[in-house]
């Protein structure tokens, strides 16, 4: 059974994860508390795991990479699109001042809230139910936005809700394979770069894939 320490050393530090705050968060947060009980022995494997309703908890390396790309320093307000079981929100919550985590599946909203409360990691995280492709205008603008589901194109509402300056990390592409992109807003200009190839579940919603 892989441990959190082994995950950090062999899957993260041995690759290109260098942000010490990200490595520390990944070491401290108990990923086994965010996966189904029958998969706990696989919690730190280098792979996504099913959490029900056709959704997955993201591979640890990709969670760490996305967090590192956001360049969080501790004072940011972050939008987390795709709460799932709450693990990614927990990592972001350890790195930022406040996290709004949005999830479209009501049962997963309940699960994420329960997991975060049980682990005592909910103090600066709010999980809401809604269409993630529309963002969460009630709390916009956001210093950073992390999207853990793939969109066929860039959702305009997320760009609109990104603060200037700000960073948005999102998988873009067809349902099968995508590119993880880092989008920056600075002085009114939008730039984007490719960070990695990836494969995520689809972002369903008004500005994502249609059900």
N, C-alpha and C. Protein backbone atom coordinates (compact mmCIF):
# COMPACT_ATOMS: atom_id res chain seq x y z
N UNK A 1 0.84 -1.20 0.00
CA UNK A 1 0.00 0.00 0.00
C UNK A 1 0.88 1.26 0.00
N UNK A 2 0.68 2.11 -0.98
CA UNK A 2 1.45 3.34 -1.09
C UNK A 2 1.05 4.33 -0.01
N UNK A 3 2.00 4.99 0.61
CA UNK A 3 1.72 5.98 1.65
C UNK A 3 1.77 7.38 1.07
N UNK A 4 1.30 8.35 1.86
CA UNK A 4 1.33 9.74 1.43
C UNK A 4 2.76 10.20 1.19
N UNK A 5 3.69 9.79 2.06
CA UNK A 5 5.08 10.18 1.91
C UNK A 5 5.68 9.61 0.63
N UNK A 6 5.34 8.36 0.32
CA UNK A 6 5.83 7.74 -0.92
C UNK A 6 5.24 8.44 -2.14
N UNK A 7 3.97 8.80 -2.05
CA UNK A 7 3.33 9.54 -3.14
C UNK A 7 4.07 10.84 -3.41
N UNK A 8 4.36 11.59 -2.34
CA UNK A 8 5.03 12.88 -2.50
C UNK A 8 6.42 12.70 -3.11
N UNK A 9 7.17 11.73 -2.64
CA UNK A 9 8.54 11.55 -3.11
C UNK A 9 8.60 10.96 -4.52
N UNK A 10 7.82 9.91 -4.78
CA UNK A 10 7.96 9.16 -6.04
C UNK A 10 7.08 9.70 -7.17
N UNK A 11 5.92 10.23 -6.84
CA UNK A 11 5.00 10.69 -7.88
C UNK A 11 5.09 12.19 -8.12
N UNK A 12 5.44 12.95 -7.09
CA UNK A 12 5.39 14.41 -7.20
C UNK A 12 6.80 15.02 -7.26
N UNK A 13 7.55 14.88 -6.19
CA UNK A 13 8.87 15.50 -6.13
C UNK A 13 9.80 14.92 -7.21
N UNK A 14 9.67 13.65 -7.51
CA UNK A 14 10.52 13.02 -8.52
C UNK A 14 10.20 13.50 -9.93
N UNK A 15 9.04 14.12 -10.08
CA UNK A 15 8.67 14.66 -11.40
C UNK A 15 8.91 16.17 -11.36
N UNK A 16 7.91 16.97 -11.64
CA UNK A 16 8.16 18.40 -11.75
C UNK A 16 7.41 19.24 -10.72
N UNK A 17 7.01 18.63 -9.62
CA UNK A 17 6.35 19.41 -8.57
C UNK A 17 7.42 19.93 -7.61
N UNK A 18 7.58 21.25 -7.60
CA UNK A 18 8.65 21.87 -6.81
C UNK A 18 8.11 22.83 -5.74
N UNK A 19 6.86 23.21 -5.84
CA UNK A 19 6.29 24.15 -4.88
C UNK A 19 6.19 23.46 -3.51
N UNK A 20 6.94 23.94 -2.54
CA UNK A 20 6.99 23.30 -1.23
C UNK A 20 5.65 23.35 -0.51
N UNK A 21 4.88 24.40 -0.73
CA UNK A 21 3.56 24.49 -0.09
C UNK A 21 2.61 23.44 -0.66
N UNK A 22 2.71 23.21 -1.95
CA UNK A 22 1.88 22.17 -2.58
C UNK A 22 2.29 20.79 -2.06
N UNK A 23 3.58 20.53 -2.03
CA UNK A 23 4.06 19.23 -1.53
C UNK A 23 3.64 19.02 -0.08
N UNK A 24 3.71 20.07 0.73
CA UNK A 24 3.29 19.96 2.13
C UNK A 24 1.82 19.66 2.27
N UNK A 25 0.99 20.32 1.45
CA UNK A 25 -0.45 20.08 1.50
C UNK A 25 -0.78 18.65 1.08
N UNK A 26 -0.13 18.18 0.04
CA UNK A 26 -0.38 16.81 -0.43
C UNK A 26 0.06 15.78 0.59
N UNK A 27 1.07 16.10 1.37
CA UNK A 27 1.54 15.19 2.41
C UNK A 27 0.58 15.15 3.59
N UNK A 28 0.05 16.32 3.96
CA UNK A 28 -0.78 16.43 5.17
C UNK A 28 -2.22 15.97 4.98
N UNK A 29 -2.79 16.23 3.83
CA UNK A 29 -4.23 15.98 3.66
C UNK A 29 -4.47 14.49 3.41
N UNK A 30 -5.31 13.86 4.21
CA UNK A 30 -5.52 12.41 4.11
C UNK A 30 -6.41 12.04 2.92
N UNK A 31 -5.80 11.71 1.80
CA UNK A 31 -6.57 11.41 0.58
C UNK A 31 -7.50 10.21 0.77
N UNK A 32 -7.11 9.31 1.67
CA UNK A 32 -7.95 8.13 1.90
C UNK A 32 -9.33 8.50 2.45
N UNK A 33 -9.46 9.68 3.05
CA UNK A 33 -10.74 10.12 3.58
C UNK A 33 -11.67 10.66 2.48
N UNK A 34 -11.16 10.75 1.26
CA UNK A 34 -11.94 11.32 0.16
C UNK A 34 -12.22 10.31 -0.95
N UNK A 35 -11.90 9.05 -0.69
CA UNK A 35 -12.20 7.99 -1.66
C UNK A 35 -13.16 7.00 -1.01
N UNK A 36 -13.89 6.19 -1.81
CA UNK A 36 -14.78 5.18 -1.23
C UNK A 36 -14.01 4.23 -0.31
N UNK A 37 -14.68 3.76 0.71
CA UNK A 37 -14.02 2.94 1.73
C UNK A 37 -13.35 1.70 1.14
N UNK A 38 -13.93 1.12 0.08
CA UNK A 38 -13.34 -0.10 -0.47
C UNK A 38 -12.13 0.19 -1.36
N UNK A 39 -11.81 1.47 -1.56
CA UNK A 39 -10.64 1.84 -2.37
C UNK A 39 -9.57 2.54 -1.56
N UNK A 40 -9.70 2.52 -0.25
CA UNK A 40 -8.75 3.26 0.60
C UNK A 40 -7.32 2.77 0.42
N UNK A 41 -7.14 1.49 0.16
CA UNK A 41 -5.78 0.98 -0.01
C UNK A 41 -5.14 1.46 -1.30
N UNK A 42 -5.94 2.09 -2.18
CA UNK A 42 -5.43 2.64 -3.44
C UNK A 42 -5.37 4.16 -3.42
N UNK A 43 -5.62 4.77 -2.26
CA UNK A 43 -5.78 6.22 -2.18
C UNK A 43 -4.58 6.99 -2.70
N UNK A 44 -3.37 6.44 -2.52
CA UNK A 44 -2.16 7.17 -2.91
C UNK A 44 -1.51 6.61 -4.17
N UNK A 45 -2.26 5.76 -4.90
CA UNK A 45 -1.77 5.27 -6.18
C UNK A 45 -1.77 6.42 -7.19
N UNK A 46 -0.94 6.33 -8.19
CA UNK A 46 -0.82 7.38 -9.20
C UNK A 46 -1.88 7.21 -10.28
N UNK A 47 -3.14 7.34 -9.87
CA UNK A 47 -4.24 7.13 -10.80
C UNK A 47 -5.52 7.77 -10.24
N UNK A 48 -6.43 8.17 -11.13
CA UNK A 48 -7.74 8.63 -10.65
C UNK A 48 -8.53 7.43 -10.13
N UNK A 49 -9.49 7.69 -9.25
CA UNK A 49 -10.32 6.63 -8.70
C UNK A 49 -11.79 7.03 -8.80
N UNK A 50 -12.68 6.06 -9.03
CA UNK A 50 -14.10 6.40 -9.12
C UNK A 50 -14.67 6.79 -7.76
N UNK A 51 -15.57 7.79 -7.77
CA UNK A 51 -16.22 8.22 -6.53
C UNK A 51 -17.74 8.15 -6.66
N UNK A 52 -18.23 7.54 -7.76
CA UNK A 52 -19.66 7.41 -7.99
C UNK A 52 -20.19 8.47 -8.95
N UNK A 53 -21.37 8.20 -9.50
CA UNK A 53 -22.07 9.14 -10.39
C UNK A 53 -21.25 9.47 -11.64
N UNK A 54 -20.41 8.52 -12.06
CA UNK A 54 -19.61 8.71 -13.25
C UNK A 54 -18.45 9.67 -13.07
N UNK A 55 -18.11 10.01 -11.84
CA UNK A 55 -17.05 10.98 -11.55
C UNK A 55 -15.85 10.29 -10.89
N UNK A 56 -14.73 11.00 -10.89
CA UNK A 56 -13.51 10.45 -10.31
C UNK A 56 -12.83 11.47 -9.41
N UNK A 57 -12.00 10.98 -8.51
CA UNK A 57 -11.06 11.84 -7.79
C UNK A 57 -9.80 11.86 -8.63
N UNK A 58 -9.30 13.06 -8.91
CA UNK A 58 -8.20 13.25 -9.85
C UNK A 58 -6.92 12.57 -9.36
N UNK A 59 -6.15 12.06 -10.31
CA UNK A 59 -4.81 11.50 -10.03
C UNK A 59 -4.00 12.48 -9.18
N UNK A 60 -3.29 12.00 -8.14
CA UNK A 60 -2.54 12.90 -7.26
C UNK A 60 -1.59 13.84 -8.00
N UNK A 61 -0.85 13.32 -8.98
CA UNK A 61 0.08 14.17 -9.70
C UNK A 61 -0.64 15.33 -10.37
N UNK A 62 -1.78 15.07 -11.00
CA UNK A 62 -2.49 16.13 -11.70
C UNK A 62 -3.07 17.14 -10.71
N UNK A 63 -3.53 16.68 -9.55
CA UNK A 63 -3.99 17.59 -8.51
C UNK A 63 -2.86 18.53 -8.09
N UNK A 64 -1.68 17.96 -7.86
CA UNK A 64 -0.53 18.77 -7.45
C UNK A 64 -0.09 19.72 -8.55
N UNK A 65 -0.07 19.24 -9.78
CA UNK A 65 0.34 20.08 -10.91
C UNK A 65 -0.59 21.28 -11.06
N UNK A 66 -1.89 21.04 -11.01
CA UNK A 66 -2.85 22.13 -11.15
C UNK A 66 -2.69 23.15 -10.02
N UNK A 67 -2.50 22.65 -8.81
CA UNK A 67 -2.31 23.55 -7.68
C UNK A 67 -1.03 24.37 -7.84
N UNK A 68 0.02 23.74 -8.31
CA UNK A 68 1.29 24.45 -8.51
C UNK A 68 1.15 25.53 -9.58
N UNK A 69 0.42 25.22 -10.64
CA UNK A 69 0.26 26.17 -11.74
C UNK A 69 -0.53 27.41 -11.33
N UNK A 70 -1.34 27.30 -10.29
CA UNK A 70 -2.11 28.45 -9.82
C UNK A 70 -1.25 29.47 -9.07
N UNK A 71 -0.06 29.06 -8.65
CA UNK A 71 0.91 29.96 -7.99
C UNK A 71 0.31 30.63 -6.74
N UNK A 72 -0.37 29.86 -5.93
CA UNK A 72 -1.03 30.41 -4.74
C UNK A 72 -0.02 30.71 -3.64
N UNK A 73 -0.26 31.82 -2.94
CA UNK A 73 0.65 32.25 -1.88
C UNK A 73 -0.05 32.37 -0.52
N UNK A 74 -1.37 32.21 -0.49
CA UNK A 74 -2.05 32.17 0.80
C UNK A 74 -3.11 33.22 1.03
N UNK A 75 -3.18 34.25 0.18
CA UNK A 75 -4.15 35.32 0.37
C UNK A 75 -5.24 35.32 -0.68
N UNK A 76 -5.27 34.32 -1.53
CA UNK A 76 -6.18 34.33 -2.67
C UNK A 76 -7.58 33.79 -2.34
N UNK A 77 -8.53 34.23 -3.15
CA UNK A 77 -9.86 33.63 -3.18
C UNK A 77 -9.94 32.80 -4.45
N UNK A 78 -10.24 31.52 -4.30
CA UNK A 78 -10.15 30.57 -5.42
C UNK A 78 -11.51 29.96 -5.71
N UNK A 79 -11.81 29.80 -7.00
CA UNK A 79 -12.98 29.03 -7.43
C UNK A 79 -12.50 27.66 -7.88
N UNK A 80 -13.06 26.62 -7.30
CA UNK A 80 -12.75 25.22 -7.63
C UNK A 80 -13.96 24.65 -8.35
N UNK A 81 -13.82 24.39 -9.63
CA UNK A 81 -14.94 23.86 -10.43
C UNK A 81 -14.83 22.35 -10.51
N UNK A 82 -15.83 21.67 -9.96
CA UNK A 82 -15.83 20.21 -9.92
C UNK A 82 -15.39 19.70 -8.57
N UNK A 83 -16.23 19.89 -7.56
CA UNK A 83 -15.85 19.54 -6.19
C UNK A 83 -15.61 18.05 -6.01
N UNK A 84 -16.41 17.23 -6.69
CA UNK A 84 -16.26 15.79 -6.52
C UNK A 84 -16.41 15.38 -5.07
N UNK A 85 -15.42 14.68 -4.54
CA UNK A 85 -15.47 14.24 -3.14
C UNK A 85 -14.87 15.27 -2.19
N UNK A 86 -14.35 16.39 -2.72
CA UNK A 86 -13.84 17.45 -1.87
C UNK A 86 -12.33 17.50 -1.72
N UNK A 87 -11.61 16.54 -2.30
CA UNK A 87 -10.16 16.48 -2.07
C UNK A 87 -9.42 17.66 -2.68
N UNK A 88 -9.72 17.98 -3.93
CA UNK A 88 -9.02 19.09 -4.57
C UNK A 88 -9.29 20.40 -3.84
N UNK A 89 -10.52 20.57 -3.38
CA UNK A 89 -10.86 21.76 -2.60
C UNK A 89 -10.04 21.80 -1.31
N UNK A 90 -9.84 20.64 -0.69
CA UNK A 90 -9.05 20.59 0.54
C UNK A 90 -7.61 21.03 0.29
N UNK A 91 -7.03 20.58 -0.83
CA UNK A 91 -5.66 20.98 -1.18
C UNK A 91 -5.60 22.49 -1.41
N UNK A 92 -6.56 23.00 -2.18
CA UNK A 92 -6.58 24.44 -2.45
C UNK A 92 -6.81 25.24 -1.18
N UNK A 93 -7.63 24.69 -0.28
CA UNK A 93 -7.91 25.37 0.99
C UNK A 93 -6.67 25.49 1.86
N UNK A 94 -5.73 24.56 1.70
CA UNK A 94 -4.47 24.63 2.46
C UNK A 94 -3.51 25.65 1.87
N UNK A 95 -3.81 26.12 0.66
CA UNK A 95 -2.89 27.01 -0.05
C UNK A 95 -3.43 28.43 -0.22
N UNK A 96 -4.73 28.62 -0.01
CA UNK A 96 -5.36 29.92 -0.28
C UNK A 96 -6.16 30.38 0.93
N UNK A 97 -6.60 31.62 0.87
CA UNK A 97 -7.38 32.19 1.98
C UNK A 97 -8.80 31.64 2.00
N UNK A 98 -9.41 31.53 0.83
CA UNK A 98 -10.80 31.08 0.75
C UNK A 98 -11.03 30.32 -0.54
N UNK A 99 -11.87 29.28 -0.47
CA UNK A 99 -12.19 28.46 -1.64
C UNK A 99 -13.70 28.32 -1.76
N UNK A 100 -14.21 28.61 -2.95
CA UNK A 100 -15.59 28.28 -3.30
C UNK A 100 -15.50 27.09 -4.24
N UNK A 101 -16.09 25.96 -3.87
CA UNK A 101 -16.02 24.75 -4.67
C UNK A 101 -17.41 24.42 -5.18
N UNK A 102 -17.56 24.36 -6.52
CA UNK A 102 -18.88 24.17 -7.12
C UNK A 102 -18.99 22.79 -7.75
N UNK A 103 -20.13 22.16 -7.53
CA UNK A 103 -20.38 20.80 -8.01
C UNK A 103 -21.83 20.71 -8.51
N UNK A 104 -22.03 20.11 -9.68
CA UNK A 104 -23.37 20.06 -10.26
C UNK A 104 -24.23 18.91 -9.73
N UNK A 105 -23.59 17.86 -9.16
CA UNK A 105 -24.32 16.68 -8.70
C UNK A 105 -24.64 16.82 -7.21
N UNK A 106 -25.91 16.96 -6.85
CA UNK A 106 -26.26 17.22 -5.45
C UNK A 106 -25.69 16.21 -4.46
N UNK A 107 -25.67 14.93 -4.85
CA UNK A 107 -25.16 13.91 -3.93
C UNK A 107 -23.67 14.10 -3.65
N UNK A 108 -22.94 14.56 -4.65
CA UNK A 108 -21.51 14.81 -4.44
C UNK A 108 -21.28 16.09 -3.63
N UNK A 109 -22.19 17.05 -3.74
CA UNK A 109 -22.11 18.23 -2.87
C UNK A 109 -22.19 17.79 -1.41
N UNK A 110 -23.13 16.91 -1.11
CA UNK A 110 -23.29 16.39 0.25
C UNK A 110 -22.05 15.62 0.67
N UNK A 111 -21.52 14.79 -0.23
CA UNK A 111 -20.33 13.99 0.07
C UNK A 111 -19.12 14.89 0.35
N UNK A 112 -18.90 15.88 -0.52
CA UNK A 112 -17.76 16.76 -0.34
C UNK A 112 -17.84 17.52 0.98
N UNK A 113 -19.02 18.05 1.28
CA UNK A 113 -19.21 18.78 2.54
C UNK A 113 -18.93 17.87 3.73
N UNK A 114 -19.44 16.63 3.65
CA UNK A 114 -19.25 15.68 4.75
C UNK A 114 -17.77 15.33 4.93
N UNK A 115 -17.08 15.07 3.83
CA UNK A 115 -15.66 14.72 3.91
C UNK A 115 -14.84 15.87 4.49
N UNK A 116 -15.13 17.08 4.05
CA UNK A 116 -14.37 18.24 4.52
C UNK A 116 -14.64 18.52 6.00
N UNK A 117 -15.90 18.36 6.41
CA UNK A 117 -16.24 18.58 7.82
C UNK A 117 -15.60 17.50 8.70
N UNK A 118 -15.67 16.24 8.26
CA UNK A 118 -15.14 15.14 9.06
C UNK A 118 -13.65 15.26 9.28
N UNK A 119 -12.95 15.78 8.28
CA UNK A 119 -11.50 15.91 8.38
C UNK A 119 -11.07 17.26 8.97
N UNK A 120 -12.04 18.11 9.27
CA UNK A 120 -11.73 19.41 9.86
C UNK A 120 -11.07 20.37 8.88
N UNK A 121 -11.31 20.18 7.58
CA UNK A 121 -10.67 21.00 6.56
C UNK A 121 -11.63 21.98 5.90
N UNK A 122 -12.77 22.17 6.52
CA UNK A 122 -13.84 22.97 5.90
C UNK A 122 -13.86 24.43 6.35
N UNK A 123 -12.92 24.86 7.17
CA UNK A 123 -13.02 26.18 7.80
C UNK A 123 -12.99 27.33 6.81
N UNK A 124 -12.33 27.14 5.66
CA UNK A 124 -12.28 28.22 4.68
C UNK A 124 -12.79 27.78 3.30
N UNK A 125 -13.59 26.70 3.29
CA UNK A 125 -14.10 26.13 2.04
C UNK A 125 -15.62 26.10 2.07
N UNK A 126 -16.25 26.61 1.02
CA UNK A 126 -17.69 26.54 0.87
C UNK A 126 -18.01 25.72 -0.37
N UNK A 127 -18.79 24.65 -0.22
CA UNK A 127 -19.18 23.81 -1.35
C UNK A 127 -20.60 24.18 -1.75
N UNK A 128 -20.78 24.52 -3.03
CA UNK A 128 -22.08 24.95 -3.53
C UNK A 128 -22.49 24.07 -4.70
N UNK A 129 -23.80 24.03 -4.97
CA UNK A 129 -24.34 23.21 -6.06
C UNK A 129 -24.69 24.12 -7.23
N UNK A 130 -24.19 23.78 -8.41
CA UNK A 130 -24.52 24.59 -9.57
C UNK A 130 -23.78 24.15 -10.81
N UNK A 131 -24.01 24.87 -11.89
CA UNK A 131 -23.38 24.62 -13.17
C UNK A 131 -22.00 25.26 -13.16
N UNK A 132 -20.97 24.43 -13.07
CA UNK A 132 -19.61 24.96 -12.94
C UNK A 132 -19.17 25.77 -14.14
N UNK A 133 -19.72 25.51 -15.32
CA UNK A 133 -19.32 26.27 -16.50
C UNK A 133 -19.78 27.72 -16.42
N UNK A 134 -20.71 28.00 -15.51
CA UNK A 134 -21.19 29.37 -15.29
C UNK A 134 -20.42 30.08 -14.18
N UNK A 135 -19.53 29.34 -13.52
CA UNK A 135 -18.79 29.92 -12.41
C UNK A 135 -19.70 30.17 -11.22
N UNK A 136 -19.32 31.13 -10.41
CA UNK A 136 -20.09 31.48 -9.21
C UNK A 136 -20.03 33.00 -9.04
N UNK A 137 -20.87 33.73 -9.80
CA UNK A 137 -20.77 35.20 -9.83
C UNK A 137 -21.00 35.87 -8.48
N UNK A 138 -21.71 35.19 -7.57
CA UNK A 138 -21.97 35.79 -6.26
C UNK A 138 -20.69 36.16 -5.51
N UNK A 139 -19.63 35.40 -5.73
CA UNK A 139 -18.37 35.65 -5.02
C UNK A 139 -17.25 36.12 -5.93
N UNK A 140 -17.54 36.39 -7.19
CA UNK A 140 -16.52 36.87 -8.13
C UNK A 140 -16.14 38.31 -7.77
N UNK A 141 -14.93 38.75 -8.15
CA UNK A 141 -13.94 38.02 -8.96
C UNK A 141 -13.07 37.11 -8.11
N UNK A 142 -12.43 36.15 -8.78
CA UNK A 142 -11.55 35.19 -8.13
C UNK A 142 -10.10 35.43 -8.56
N UNK A 143 -9.19 35.31 -7.62
CA UNK A 143 -7.77 35.45 -7.93
C UNK A 143 -7.26 34.27 -8.76
N UNK A 144 -7.88 33.12 -8.57
CA UNK A 144 -7.48 31.92 -9.29
C UNK A 144 -8.70 31.03 -9.47
N UNK A 145 -8.73 30.30 -10.59
CA UNK A 145 -9.82 29.36 -10.88
C UNK A 145 -9.20 28.05 -11.33
N UNK A 146 -9.63 26.96 -10.70
CA UNK A 146 -9.16 25.62 -11.05
C UNK A 146 -10.36 24.81 -11.53
N UNK A 147 -10.24 24.20 -12.70
CA UNK A 147 -11.34 23.44 -13.29
C UNK A 147 -10.92 21.98 -13.45
N UNK A 148 -11.58 21.09 -12.71
CA UNK A 148 -11.22 19.67 -12.73
C UNK A 148 -12.17 18.87 -13.61
N UNK A 149 -12.53 19.45 -14.76
CA UNK A 149 -13.35 18.77 -15.75
C UNK A 149 -13.05 19.43 -17.09
N UNK A 150 -13.15 18.64 -18.16
CA UNK A 150 -12.71 19.12 -19.47
C UNK A 150 -13.84 19.83 -20.21
N UNK A 151 -13.49 20.97 -20.81
CA UNK A 151 -14.44 21.74 -21.59
C UNK A 151 -14.02 21.74 -23.06
N UNK A 152 -14.98 21.73 -23.99
CA UNK A 152 -14.60 21.77 -25.41
C UNK A 152 -14.01 23.11 -25.82
N UNK A 153 -14.30 24.16 -25.06
CA UNK A 153 -13.76 25.49 -25.33
C UNK A 153 -13.68 26.25 -24.00
N UNK A 154 -13.10 27.43 -24.04
CA UNK A 154 -12.94 28.21 -22.82
C UNK A 154 -14.28 28.82 -22.40
N UNK A 155 -14.81 28.47 -21.23
CA UNK A 155 -16.08 29.05 -20.78
C UNK A 155 -15.93 30.55 -20.49
N UNK A 156 -16.64 31.38 -21.23
CA UNK A 156 -16.51 32.82 -21.07
C UNK A 156 -16.84 33.30 -19.66
N UNK A 157 -17.87 32.71 -18.98
CA UNK A 157 -18.15 33.17 -17.62
C UNK A 157 -16.97 33.04 -16.67
N UNK A 158 -16.15 32.00 -16.85
CA UNK A 158 -14.98 31.83 -15.98
C UNK A 158 -13.94 32.91 -16.26
N UNK A 159 -13.73 33.24 -17.52
CA UNK A 159 -12.81 34.34 -17.84
C UNK A 159 -13.31 35.65 -17.26
N UNK A 160 -14.62 35.86 -17.34
CA UNK A 160 -15.20 37.10 -16.84
C UNK A 160 -15.05 37.23 -15.33
N UNK A 161 -15.07 36.08 -14.63
CA UNK A 161 -15.02 36.09 -13.17
C UNK A 161 -13.58 36.01 -12.63
N UNK A 162 -12.61 35.95 -13.52
CA UNK A 162 -11.20 35.92 -13.11
C UNK A 162 -10.71 37.34 -12.88
N UNK A 163 -10.12 37.57 -11.72
CA UNK A 163 -9.59 38.89 -11.41
C UNK A 163 -8.41 39.22 -12.33
N UNK A 164 -8.15 40.49 -12.51
CA UNK A 164 -6.99 40.97 -13.25
C UNK A 164 -6.02 41.61 -12.26
N UNK A 165 -4.85 41.03 -11.98
CA UNK A 165 -4.30 39.81 -12.59
C UNK A 165 -4.87 38.55 -11.94
N UNK A 166 -4.89 37.46 -12.69
CA UNK A 166 -5.38 36.19 -12.17
C UNK A 166 -4.97 35.04 -13.07
N UNK A 167 -5.10 33.82 -12.54
CA UNK A 167 -4.71 32.60 -13.26
C UNK A 167 -5.86 31.60 -13.25
N UNK A 168 -6.13 31.01 -14.41
CA UNK A 168 -7.15 29.97 -14.56
C UNK A 168 -6.46 28.74 -15.16
N UNK A 169 -6.68 27.58 -14.53
CA UNK A 169 -6.12 26.32 -15.03
C UNK A 169 -7.28 25.43 -15.42
N UNK A 170 -7.29 24.97 -16.68
CA UNK A 170 -8.45 24.23 -17.19
C UNK A 170 -8.04 23.26 -18.30
N UNK A 171 -8.63 22.04 -18.30
CA UNK A 171 -8.43 21.11 -19.42
C UNK A 171 -9.35 21.51 -20.58
N UNK A 172 -8.80 21.64 -21.78
CA UNK A 172 -9.58 21.99 -22.96
C UNK A 172 -9.38 20.93 -24.03
N UNK A 173 -10.50 20.49 -24.65
CA UNK A 173 -10.39 19.52 -25.73
C UNK A 173 -11.59 18.61 -25.79
N UNK A 174 -11.56 17.59 -26.64
CA UNK A 174 -12.66 16.64 -26.76
C UNK A 174 -12.78 15.76 -25.53
N UNK A 175 -13.81 14.93 -25.50
CA UNK A 175 -14.06 14.10 -24.33
C UNK A 175 -12.95 13.10 -24.05
N UNK A 176 -12.22 12.66 -25.09
CA UNK A 176 -11.25 11.59 -24.91
C UNK A 176 -9.92 12.08 -24.32
N UNK A 177 -9.33 13.10 -24.92
CA UNK A 177 -8.03 13.60 -24.49
C UNK A 177 -8.02 15.11 -24.57
N UNK A 178 -7.34 15.75 -23.61
CA UNK A 178 -7.34 17.21 -23.56
C UNK A 178 -5.94 17.76 -23.31
N UNK A 179 -5.85 19.08 -23.40
CA UNK A 179 -4.65 19.81 -23.03
C UNK A 179 -4.95 20.61 -21.77
N UNK A 180 -4.08 20.52 -20.79
CA UNK A 180 -4.21 21.34 -19.60
C UNK A 180 -3.60 22.71 -19.90
N UNK A 181 -4.42 23.74 -19.80
CA UNK A 181 -3.96 25.08 -20.18
C UNK A 181 -3.91 26.01 -18.96
N UNK A 182 -2.93 26.87 -18.97
CA UNK A 182 -2.78 27.91 -17.96
C UNK A 182 -3.12 29.24 -18.62
N UNK A 183 -4.20 29.84 -18.15
CA UNK A 183 -4.70 31.08 -18.74
C UNK A 183 -4.43 32.22 -17.76
N UNK A 184 -3.82 33.27 -18.25
CA UNK A 184 -3.53 34.44 -17.42
C UNK A 184 -4.28 35.66 -17.91
N UNK A 185 -4.81 36.41 -16.98
CA UNK A 185 -5.38 37.71 -17.27
C UNK A 185 -4.48 38.75 -16.62
N UNK A 186 -3.99 39.68 -17.44
CA UNK A 186 -3.08 40.70 -16.91
C UNK A 186 -3.20 41.97 -17.75
N UNK A 187 -3.50 43.05 -17.08
CA UNK A 187 -3.68 44.34 -17.75
C UNK A 187 -4.68 44.26 -18.90
N UNK A 188 -5.75 43.51 -18.65
CA UNK A 188 -6.81 43.40 -19.63
C UNK A 188 -6.55 42.43 -20.77
N UNK A 189 -5.39 41.80 -20.78
CA UNK A 189 -5.04 40.86 -21.84
C UNK A 189 -5.12 39.42 -21.34
N UNK A 190 -5.54 38.53 -22.23
CA UNK A 190 -5.63 37.10 -21.93
C UNK A 190 -4.55 36.36 -22.71
N UNK A 191 -3.73 35.60 -22.00
CA UNK A 191 -2.74 34.74 -22.64
C UNK A 191 -2.93 33.32 -22.13
N UNK A 192 -2.52 32.34 -22.91
CA UNK A 192 -2.67 30.94 -22.52
C UNK A 192 -1.47 30.14 -22.99
N UNK A 193 -1.13 29.12 -22.20
CA UNK A 193 -0.06 28.21 -22.60
C UNK A 193 -0.45 26.78 -22.25
N UNK A 194 0.12 25.85 -22.96
CA UNK A 194 -0.11 24.43 -22.71
C UNK A 194 0.81 23.96 -21.59
N UNK A 195 0.24 23.30 -20.58
CA UNK A 195 1.04 22.80 -19.47
C UNK A 195 1.28 21.30 -19.55
N UNK A 196 0.27 20.56 -20.03
CA UNK A 196 0.39 19.10 -20.03
C UNK A 196 -0.76 18.49 -20.83
N UNK A 197 -0.53 17.31 -21.35
CA UNK A 197 -1.64 16.52 -21.86
C UNK A 197 -2.38 15.94 -20.65
N UNK A 198 -3.67 15.69 -20.80
CA UNK A 198 -4.44 15.18 -19.66
C UNK A 198 -5.72 14.51 -20.14
N UNK A 199 -6.40 13.89 -19.20
CA UNK A 199 -7.70 13.27 -19.50
C UNK A 199 -8.60 13.43 -18.28
N UNK A 200 -9.65 14.23 -18.43
CA UNK A 200 -10.60 14.50 -17.35
C UNK A 200 -12.01 14.11 -17.78
N UNK A 201 -12.88 13.94 -16.79
CA UNK A 201 -14.30 13.78 -17.09
C UNK A 201 -14.80 15.08 -17.72
N UNK A 202 -15.89 15.03 -18.50
CA UNK A 202 -16.35 16.24 -19.18
C UNK A 202 -17.01 17.24 -18.23
N UNK A 203 -16.81 18.51 -18.53
CA UNK A 203 -17.50 19.60 -17.85
C UNK A 203 -18.87 19.75 -18.52
N UNK A 204 -19.90 19.33 -17.82
CA UNK A 204 -21.26 19.41 -18.37
C UNK A 204 -21.90 20.71 -17.93
N UNK A 205 -22.56 21.40 -18.87
CA UNK A 205 -23.22 22.64 -18.50
C UNK A 205 -23.43 23.55 -19.68
N UNK A 206 -23.91 24.73 -19.40
CA UNK A 206 -24.26 25.69 -20.44
C UNK A 206 -23.09 26.08 -21.32
N UNK A 207 -21.88 26.13 -20.74
CA UNK A 207 -20.70 26.51 -21.50
C UNK A 207 -19.68 25.38 -21.57
N UNK A 208 -20.16 24.16 -21.38
CA UNK A 208 -19.31 22.98 -21.49
C UNK A 208 -19.94 21.99 -22.44
N UNK A 209 -19.74 20.70 -22.19
CA UNK A 209 -20.39 19.67 -22.98
C UNK A 209 -21.87 19.60 -22.61
N UNK A 210 -22.69 19.23 -23.57
CA UNK A 210 -24.11 19.04 -23.31
C UNK A 210 -24.37 17.60 -22.91
N UNK A 211 -25.30 17.41 -21.97
CA UNK A 211 -25.60 16.05 -21.49
C UNK A 211 -26.32 15.25 -22.58
